[in-house]
Amino acid sequence: MCLSLAVMAVLGIFAGKGVARPQLFVPDPITGYAIGGNDPVSYFVDGQPRKGDRRHELSWGGAEWVFVNEGNMAAFERNPETYAPMFAGCGGYALSEGFATAGSPYIYAVVEGRLVFFHSVVNRFLFVVNGGQLVKDAQENAASVGCMPEK
């Protein structure tokens, strides 16, 4: 009887609205910069992540961002939704399945012109080959699991 009550109490805690979600925009554990301290524009310009320089720092979406140079920072400032990862850095494939996992800034793809992070290379593959429908599913689930940037 006591065990049943304990299990019900634990389940009640997790069943509430307090949905656990990955940290906003996958911050670097030491500096706190978004997407592991990488410049979000570099994924598009250089085709790969590059570490930002703290001399080029900007706040947006509830996170601190760093950039390789002033030009990248200006491009991001003009249109941050173009360069920031979709789903606030949550893993795209898991999100399409209804789960919030932290995506990795080093496991990514540009899908429909947007940067998407993934928890694993397998998840990236599954998401990319099933593109359109999984993007739609992930977008539908994003708000309910807390994978949306602050406005």
Protein backbone atom coordinates (compact mmCIF):
# COMPACT_ATOMS: atom_id res chain seq x y z
CA MET A 1 0.00 0.00 0.00
CA CYS A 2 2.77 2.46 0.93
CA LEU A 3 4.69 1.52 -2.21
CA SER A 4 1.60 2.18 -4.34
CA LEU A 5 1.15 5.62 -2.78
CA ALA A 6 4.81 6.46 -3.33
CA VAL A 7 4.64 5.41 -7.00
CA MET A 8 1.45 7.44 -7.51
CA ALA A 9 3.06 10.49 -5.90
CA VAL A 10 6.11 10.24 -8.17
CA LEU A 11 3.93 9.78 -11.25
CA GLY A 12 1.83 12.76 -10.20
CA ILE A 13 4.91 14.95 -10.05
CA PHE A 14 5.94 14.02 -13.59
CA ALA A 15 2.42 14.15 -15.02
CA GLY A 16 2.03 17.86 -14.26
CA LYS A 17 2.65 20.77 -16.59
CA GLY A 18 6.31 21.00 -15.54
CA VAL A 19 7.60 19.28 -18.67
CA ALA A 20 11.36 18.81 -18.56
CA ARG A 21 13.12 20.26 -21.57
CA PRO A 22 16.70 20.71 -22.65
CA GLN A 23 18.34 24.01 -21.83
CA LEU A 24 17.52 26.82 -24.22
CA PHE A 25 19.77 26.79 -27.30
CA VAL A 26 22.18 24.17 -25.87
CA PRO A 27 24.52 26.45 -23.91
CA ASP A 28 28.24 25.81 -23.51
CA PRO A 29 28.66 24.42 -19.97
CA ILE A 30 31.53 26.78 -19.14
CA THR A 31 30.72 30.06 -20.90
CA GLY A 32 26.94 29.72 -21.15
CA TYR A 33 26.96 30.87 -24.78
CA ALA A 34 24.21 29.46 -27.01
CA ILE A 35 24.88 26.47 -29.26
CA GLY A 36 28.07 25.54 -27.46
CA GLY A 37 29.71 28.90 -28.17
CA ASN A 38 29.53 28.42 -31.93
CA ASP A 39 28.62 31.17 -34.38
CA PRO A 40 25.16 30.29 -35.80
CA VAL A 41 25.88 32.12 -39.07
CA SER A 42 29.01 30.02 -39.67
CA TYR A 43 26.87 26.92 -40.31
CA PHE A 44 25.54 28.68 -43.41
CA VAL A 45 28.58 30.72 -44.49
CA ASP A 46 31.32 28.18 -43.76
CA GLY A 47 29.25 24.99 -43.93
CA GLN A 48 30.36 24.02 -40.41
CA PRO A 49 30.32 25.37 -36.87
CA ARG A 50 33.06 27.80 -35.84
CA LYS A 51 33.71 29.05 -32.33
CA GLY A 52 32.57 32.61 -31.80
CA ASP A 53 34.67 35.39 -30.32
CA ARG A 54 33.30 37.03 -27.18
CA ARG A 55 34.19 40.43 -28.62
CA HIS A 56 31.16 39.84 -30.89
CA GLU A 57 28.40 39.04 -28.43
CA LEU A 58 24.63 39.52 -28.71
CA SER A 59 21.56 38.66 -26.59
CA TRP A 60 18.55 37.17 -28.33
CA GLY A 61 15.82 34.66 -27.52
CA GLY A 62 16.79 34.35 -23.87
CA ALA A 63 20.36 33.34 -24.72
CA GLU A 64 23.79 34.90 -25.28
CA TRP A 65 25.31 34.34 -28.73
CA VAL A 66 28.87 34.83 -29.98
CA PHE A 67 30.07 35.34 -33.53
CA VAL A 68 33.26 34.94 -35.53
CA ASN A 69 33.12 38.55 -36.76
CA GLU A 70 30.99 41.69 -36.86
CA GLY A 71 29.48 40.78 -40.24
CA ASN A 72 28.07 37.51 -38.93
CA MET A 73 26.76 39.27 -35.84
CA ALA A 74 25.04 41.92 -37.98
CA ALA A 75 23.46 39.25 -40.22
CA PHE A 76 22.10 37.42 -37.17
CA GLU A 77 20.83 40.64 -35.60
CA ARG A 78 18.89 41.51 -38.79
CA ASN A 79 17.18 38.13 -39.00
CA PRO A 80 17.86 35.82 -36.03
CA GLU A 81 15.17 33.26 -36.93
CA THR A 82 17.05 32.52 -40.15
CA TYR A 83 20.24 31.52 -38.34
CA ALA A 84 19.19 30.28 -34.88
CA PRO A 85 18.51 26.55 -34.72
CA MET A 86 14.90 25.52 -35.07
CA PHE A 87 13.20 24.25 -31.94
CA ALA A 88 15.52 26.25 -29.62
CA GLY A 89 18.21 23.60 -30.08
CA CYS A 90 16.07 20.59 -29.19
CA GLY A 91 16.74 17.47 -31.27
CA GLY A 92 14.58 17.56 -34.40
CA TYR A 93 13.88 13.85 -34.79
CA ALA A 94 13.04 13.24 -31.14
CA LEU A 95 10.77 16.27 -31.24
CA SER A 96 8.94 14.84 -34.25
CA GLU A 97 8.25 11.82 -32.04
CA GLY A 98 6.98 14.08 -29.23
CA PHE A 99 10.07 14.07 -26.97
CA ALA A 100 12.37 16.90 -25.96
CA THR A 101 16.05 16.02 -26.15
CA ALA A 102 19.02 18.33 -26.36
CA GLY A 103 20.41 18.48 -29.85
CA SER A 104 24.15 18.64 -30.42
CA PRO A 105 25.65 21.68 -32.16
CA TYR A 106 27.97 19.18 -33.88
CA ILE A 107 25.24 16.86 -35.22
CA TYR A 108 23.18 19.08 -37.47
CA ALA A 109 21.61 19.57 -40.88
CA VAL A 110 20.16 22.50 -42.76
CA VAL A 111 16.58 21.45 -43.48
CA GLU A 112 14.25 23.70 -45.47
CA GLY A 113 16.79 26.50 -45.06
CA ARG A 114 16.89 26.21 -41.26
CA LEU A 115 19.51 24.82 -38.90
CA VAL A 116 18.32 21.71 -37.03
CA PHE A 117 20.25 19.90 -34.29
CA PHE A 118 20.00 16.20 -33.45
CA HIS A 119 20.79 13.94 -30.53
CA SER A 120 22.54 11.36 -32.72
CA VAL A 121 23.67 10.79 -36.29
CA VAL A 122 20.99 8.11 -36.67
CA ASN A 123 18.32 10.64 -35.69
CA ARG A 124 19.75 13.11 -38.21
CA PHE A 125 19.61 10.50 -40.97
CA LEU A 126 16.02 9.51 -40.17
CA PHE A 127 14.92 13.13 -40.06
CA VAL A 128 16.62 14.15 -43.29
CA VAL A 129 15.34 11.20 -45.35
CA ASN A 130 11.79 11.72 -44.09
CA GLY A 131 12.08 15.53 -44.25
CA GLY A 132 8.80 17.30 -44.88
CA GLN A 133 6.48 15.28 -42.67
CA LEU A 134 8.91 15.11 -39.73
CA VAL A 135 9.52 18.87 -39.85
CA LYS A 136 5.76 19.38 -39.65
CA ASP A 137 5.44 16.89 -36.77
CA ALA A 138 8.31 18.53 -34.88
CA GLN A 139 6.78 21.98 -35.36
CA GLU A 140 3.47 20.73 -34.00
CA ASN A 141 5.15 19.27 -30.90
CA ALA A 142 7.61 22.11 -30.21
CA ALA A 143 5.38 24.32 -28.06
CA SER A 144 3.92 21.48 -25.99
CA VAL A 145 7.36 20.23 -24.87
CA GLY A 146 8.94 23.67 -24.44
CA CYS A 147 11.20 23.75 -27.50
CA MET A 148 10.44 27.30 -28.55
CA PRO A 149 12.69 30.34 -28.09
CA GLU A 150 11.65 33.17 -25.81
CA LYS A 151 10.19 36.16 -27.62
